[in-house]
N, C-alpha and C. Protein backbone atom coordinates (compact mmCIF):
# COMPACT_ATOMS: atom_id res chain seq x y z
N MET A 1 88.21 107.22 106.62
CA MET A 1 89.39 106.50 105.80
C MET A 1 90.71 107.49 105.67
N TYR A 2 91.74 106.84 105.80
CA TYR A 2 92.88 107.88 105.57
C TYR A 2 93.95 107.04 104.70
N LEU A 3 94.64 108.04 103.91
CA LEU A 3 95.61 107.70 102.99
C LEU A 3 97.00 108.09 103.92
N ILE A 4 97.84 107.44 104.19
CA ILE A 4 98.98 107.83 104.72
C ILE A 4 100.35 107.77 103.80
N ILE A 5 100.87 108.82 103.46
CA ILE A 5 101.97 108.96 102.48
C ILE A 5 103.18 109.28 103.47
N LEU A 6 104.07 108.12 103.28
CA LEU A 6 105.36 108.27 103.78
C LEU A 6 106.54 108.65 102.82
N THR A 7 107.38 109.59 103.09
CA THR A 7 108.30 110.10 102.38
C THR A 7 109.76 109.70 103.12
N TYR A 8 110.55 108.99 102.64
CA TYR A 8 111.80 108.59 103.32
C TYR A 8 112.63 110.07 103.53
N THR A 9 113.21 110.22 104.46
CA THR A 9 113.84 111.14 104.98
C THR A 9 115.38 110.91 105.18
N GLN A 10 115.77 109.61 104.95
CA GLN A 10 117.01 109.00 104.99
C GLN A 10 117.23 108.01 103.93
N GLY A 11 118.40 107.67 103.64
CA GLY A 11 118.85 106.83 102.49
C GLY A 11 118.23 105.45 102.64
N LEU A 12 118.28 104.68 101.61
CA LEU A 12 117.48 103.60 101.59
C LEU A 12 118.46 102.44 102.50
N GLU A 13 119.54 102.75 102.77
CA GLU A 13 120.39 102.14 103.52
C GLU A 13 119.69 102.01 104.93
N LYS A 14 119.44 103.26 105.34
CA LYS A 14 118.95 103.30 106.90
C LYS A 14 117.41 102.79 106.78
N ILE A 15 116.59 102.97 105.64
CA ILE A 15 115.29 102.38 105.61
C ILE A 15 115.43 100.94 105.73
N ASP A 16 116.37 100.40 105.08
CA ASP A 16 116.45 98.73 105.07
C ASP A 16 117.00 98.21 106.52
N GLU A 17 117.47 99.04 107.17
CA GLU A 17 117.78 98.63 108.39
C GLU A 17 116.93 98.35 109.52
N HIS A 18 115.54 99.24 109.31
CA HIS A 18 114.34 99.04 109.96
C HIS A 18 113.38 98.33 109.37
N LEU A 19 113.62 98.00 108.23
CA LEU A 19 112.34 97.36 107.44
C LEU A 19 111.72 95.98 108.01
N VAL A 20 112.62 95.35 108.71
CA VAL A 20 111.83 94.03 109.52
C VAL A 20 110.93 94.71 110.65
N GLU A 21 111.41 95.73 111.34
CA GLU A 21 110.67 96.26 112.33
C GLU A 21 109.52 97.00 111.73
N HIS A 22 109.42 97.61 110.77
CA HIS A 22 108.51 98.24 109.98
C HIS A 22 107.22 97.26 109.56
N ARG A 23 107.81 96.31 109.17
CA ARG A 23 106.70 95.13 108.83
C ARG A 23 106.01 94.67 109.89
N THR A 24 106.74 94.39 111.06
CA THR A 24 106.03 93.70 112.23
C THR A 24 105.16 94.93 112.61
N PHE A 25 105.39 96.30 112.51
CA PHE A 25 104.30 97.25 112.94
C PHE A 25 103.32 97.12 112.08
N LEU A 26 103.43 97.04 110.47
CA LEU A 26 102.22 96.73 109.82
C LEU A 26 101.55 95.75 110.00
N ASP A 27 102.25 94.52 110.53
CA ASP A 27 101.32 93.27 110.87
C ASP A 27 100.38 93.60 112.03
N LYS A 28 100.76 94.13 112.86
CA LYS A 28 100.11 94.50 114.10
C LYS A 28 98.79 95.17 113.76
N TYR A 29 98.94 96.23 112.89
CA TYR A 29 97.58 97.01 112.41
C TYR A 29 96.87 96.30 111.52
N TYR A 30 97.44 95.33 110.55
CA TYR A 30 96.76 94.62 109.69
C TYR A 30 95.87 93.66 110.53
N SER A 31 96.39 93.01 111.72
CA SER A 31 95.58 92.29 112.58
C SER A 31 94.55 92.78 113.31
N GLN A 32 94.70 94.20 113.60
CA GLN A 32 93.56 94.83 114.21
C GLN A 32 92.58 95.50 113.00
N ASP A 33 92.61 95.01 111.70
CA ASP A 33 91.87 95.78 110.93
C ASP A 33 91.90 97.04 110.66
N LYS A 34 93.01 97.85 110.83
CA LYS A 34 93.05 98.96 110.89
C LYS A 34 93.79 99.45 109.38
N PHE A 35 94.60 98.58 108.77
CA PHE A 35 95.14 98.69 107.59
C PHE A 35 94.58 97.95 106.66
N ILE A 36 94.29 98.32 105.29
CA ILE A 36 93.72 97.81 104.31
C ILE A 36 94.67 97.40 103.34
N CYS A 37 95.82 98.19 102.98
CA CYS A 37 96.76 97.92 101.80
C CYS A 37 97.83 98.76 102.10
N SER A 38 99.18 98.40 101.87
CA SER A 38 100.15 99.25 101.84
C SER A 38 101.26 98.66 101.06
N GLY A 39 102.31 99.83 100.69
CA GLY A 39 103.40 99.08 99.82
C GLY A 39 104.25 100.35 99.60
N ALA A 40 105.44 100.10 98.78
CA ALA A 40 106.43 101.22 98.58
C ALA A 40 106.01 101.82 97.27
N GLN A 41 106.50 103.07 97.33
CA GLN A 41 106.31 103.87 96.02
C GLN A 41 107.15 103.58 95.03
N ASN A 42 107.00 103.78 93.67
CA ASN A 42 107.84 103.47 92.71
C ASN A 42 108.12 104.94 92.06
N PRO A 43 109.35 105.48 92.00
CA PRO A 43 110.70 104.85 92.56
C PRO A 43 110.46 104.72 94.01
N ARG A 44 111.40 104.10 94.90
CA ARG A 44 111.29 103.68 96.15
C ARG A 44 111.82 104.94 96.94
N THR A 45 110.99 106.03 97.14
CA THR A 45 111.26 107.09 97.77
C THR A 45 110.25 107.32 99.13
N GLY A 46 109.35 106.09 99.34
CA GLY A 46 108.66 106.28 100.53
C GLY A 46 107.50 105.04 100.38
N GLY A 47 106.45 105.28 101.08
CA GLY A 47 105.30 104.14 100.98
C GLY A 47 104.00 104.87 100.95
N ILE A 48 102.73 103.95 100.92
CA ILE A 48 101.61 104.38 100.97
C ILE A 48 100.89 103.29 101.94
N ILE A 49 100.07 103.78 102.77
CA ILE A 49 99.27 102.88 103.73
C ILE A 49 97.58 103.38 103.55
N LEU A 50 96.83 102.55 103.30
CA LEU A 50 95.50 102.74 103.32
C LEU A 50 94.90 102.38 104.76
N CYS A 51 94.47 103.37 105.58
CA CYS A 51 94.16 103.19 106.98
C CYS A 51 92.77 103.16 107.35
N ASN A 52 91.95 102.35 107.85
CA ASN A 52 90.89 102.49 108.33
C ASN A 52 90.38 102.88 109.68
N ALA A 53 90.96 104.09 110.23
CA ALA A 53 90.92 104.53 111.51
C ALA A 53 89.65 105.35 111.81
N ASP A 54 89.38 105.66 112.99
CA ASP A 54 88.29 106.13 113.60
C ASP A 54 88.38 107.74 113.45
N SER A 55 89.70 108.21 113.51
CA SER A 55 89.97 109.57 113.69
C SER A 55 91.37 109.78 113.17
N LYS A 56 91.77 111.31 113.02
CA LYS A 56 92.93 111.41 112.48
C LYS A 56 93.90 111.40 113.63
N ALA A 57 93.40 111.67 115.01
CA ALA A 57 94.22 111.44 116.14
C ALA A 57 94.52 110.12 116.30
N GLU A 58 93.77 109.18 116.07
CA GLU A 58 94.15 107.57 115.98
C GLU A 58 95.31 107.49 115.01
N VAL A 59 95.24 107.90 113.74
CA VAL A 59 96.16 107.63 112.73
C VAL A 59 97.68 108.26 113.19
N GLU A 60 97.61 109.33 113.81
CA GLU A 60 98.81 110.10 114.38
C GLU A 60 99.37 109.10 115.59
N SER A 61 98.45 108.72 116.25
CA SER A 61 98.99 107.61 117.54
C SER A 61 99.74 106.38 117.03
N ILE A 62 99.02 105.89 115.86
CA ILE A 62 99.50 104.79 115.27
C ILE A 62 100.82 105.02 114.43
N ILE A 63 101.03 106.22 113.95
CA ILE A 63 102.10 106.61 113.18
C ILE A 63 103.64 106.68 114.09
N ARG A 64 103.03 107.11 115.17
CA ARG A 64 104.26 107.31 116.40
C ARG A 64 104.76 105.92 116.74
N GLU A 65 104.05 104.91 116.42
CA GLU A 65 104.71 103.42 116.74
C GLU A 65 105.64 102.83 115.55
N ASP A 66 105.54 103.70 114.41
CA ASP A 66 106.30 103.06 113.21
C ASP A 66 107.71 103.25 113.46
N PRO A 67 108.49 102.21 113.24
CA PRO A 67 110.02 102.22 113.31
C PRO A 67 110.46 103.43 112.68
N PHE A 68 109.86 103.65 111.27
CA PHE A 68 110.28 104.63 110.60
C PHE A 68 110.30 105.99 111.16
N HIS A 69 109.11 106.20 112.02
CA HIS A 69 109.05 107.44 112.74
C HIS A 69 110.00 107.54 113.88
N ILE A 70 110.00 106.66 114.59
CA ILE A 70 110.84 106.34 115.63
C ILE A 70 112.22 106.84 115.32
N TYR A 71 112.89 106.11 114.46
CA TYR A 71 114.20 106.60 114.01
C TYR A 71 114.31 107.56 113.08
N ASP A 72 113.24 108.46 112.96
CA ASP A 72 113.15 109.60 111.96
C ASP A 72 113.74 109.63 110.52
N ALA A 73 113.21 108.43 110.01
CA ALA A 73 113.55 107.98 108.52
C ALA A 73 112.44 108.26 107.67
N ALA A 74 111.54 108.89 107.95
CA ALA A 74 110.40 109.20 107.19
C ALA A 74 109.48 110.07 107.83
N SER A 75 108.83 110.99 106.85
CA SER A 75 107.98 111.94 107.23
C SER A 75 106.54 111.57 106.70
N TYR A 76 105.49 111.99 107.15
CA TYR A 76 104.23 111.61 107.03
C TYR A 76 103.30 112.45 106.75
N GLU A 77 102.49 112.25 105.62
CA GLU A 77 101.06 113.04 105.19
C GLU A 77 100.03 112.25 105.53
N ILE A 78 99.09 112.87 106.16
CA ILE A 78 97.83 112.07 106.40
C ILE A 78 96.71 112.88 105.86
N ILE A 79 95.78 112.07 104.64
CA ILE A 79 94.89 112.55 104.03
C ILE A 79 93.60 111.74 104.38
N GLU A 80 92.75 112.43 104.92
CA GLU A 80 91.31 111.81 105.16
C GLU A 80 90.42 111.85 104.02
N PHE A 81 89.68 110.82 103.69
CA PHE A 81 88.66 110.99 102.50
C PHE A 81 87.58 110.07 102.91
N SER A 82 86.52 110.20 102.21
CA SER A 82 85.39 109.34 102.55
C SER A 82 84.88 108.87 101.07
N PRO A 83 85.26 107.44 101.09
CA PRO A 83 84.81 106.80 99.88
C PRO A 83 83.44 106.89 99.38
N THR A 84 83.13 107.46 98.44
CA THR A 84 81.84 107.43 97.84
C THR A 84 81.16 106.34 96.78
N LYS A 85 82.33 105.85 96.06
CA LYS A 85 82.21 104.70 94.85
C LYS A 85 83.50 103.83 95.16
N TYR A 86 82.98 102.61 95.26
CA TYR A 86 84.17 101.53 95.41
C TYR A 86 83.52 100.40 94.87
N ALA A 87 84.31 99.39 94.55
CA ALA A 87 84.30 97.88 94.10
C ALA A 87 83.47 97.20 95.17
N ASN A 88 82.49 96.24 94.78
CA ASN A 88 81.76 95.79 95.94
C ASN A 88 82.51 94.88 96.67
N ALA A 89 83.83 94.43 96.49
CA ALA A 89 84.51 93.74 97.31
C ALA A 89 85.09 94.74 98.54
N PHE A 90 85.32 95.97 98.28
CA PHE A 90 85.82 96.87 99.25
C PHE A 90 84.74 97.25 100.14
N LYS A 91 83.51 97.06 99.78
CA LYS A 91 82.35 97.49 100.87
C LYS A 91 82.68 96.99 102.30
N VAL A 92 83.24 95.68 102.66
CA VAL A 92 83.55 95.57 103.86
C VAL A 92 84.38 96.56 104.70
N PHE A 93 85.09 97.48 103.95
CA PHE A 93 86.04 98.29 104.69
C PHE A 93 85.34 99.61 105.08
N ILE A 94 84.09 99.85 104.37
CA ILE A 94 83.12 100.99 104.74
C ILE A 94 82.81 101.05 105.96
N LYS A 95 82.97 102.04 106.85
CA LYS A 95 82.34 102.11 108.16
C LYS A 95 81.05 102.91 108.04
């Protein structure tokens, strides 16, 4: 499992220009059961995506499709982790 931390590298005006495209990108990977949850940071300096990919290489490939990446509007930190404790409802996401 991977935590993807986005940090905006451009102002919110530029981010908002690509927000609809970014949400379409998110929808694609939600429909493939790769994304578990996502949202904006508070304050709005970036976002977080919880991703259930098979490898870091797959996460990097997915990120390359994000309009925020394509338009150089965000940087990305990828943190791999293995959930060892979780709520019963979360069990469906564990591979």
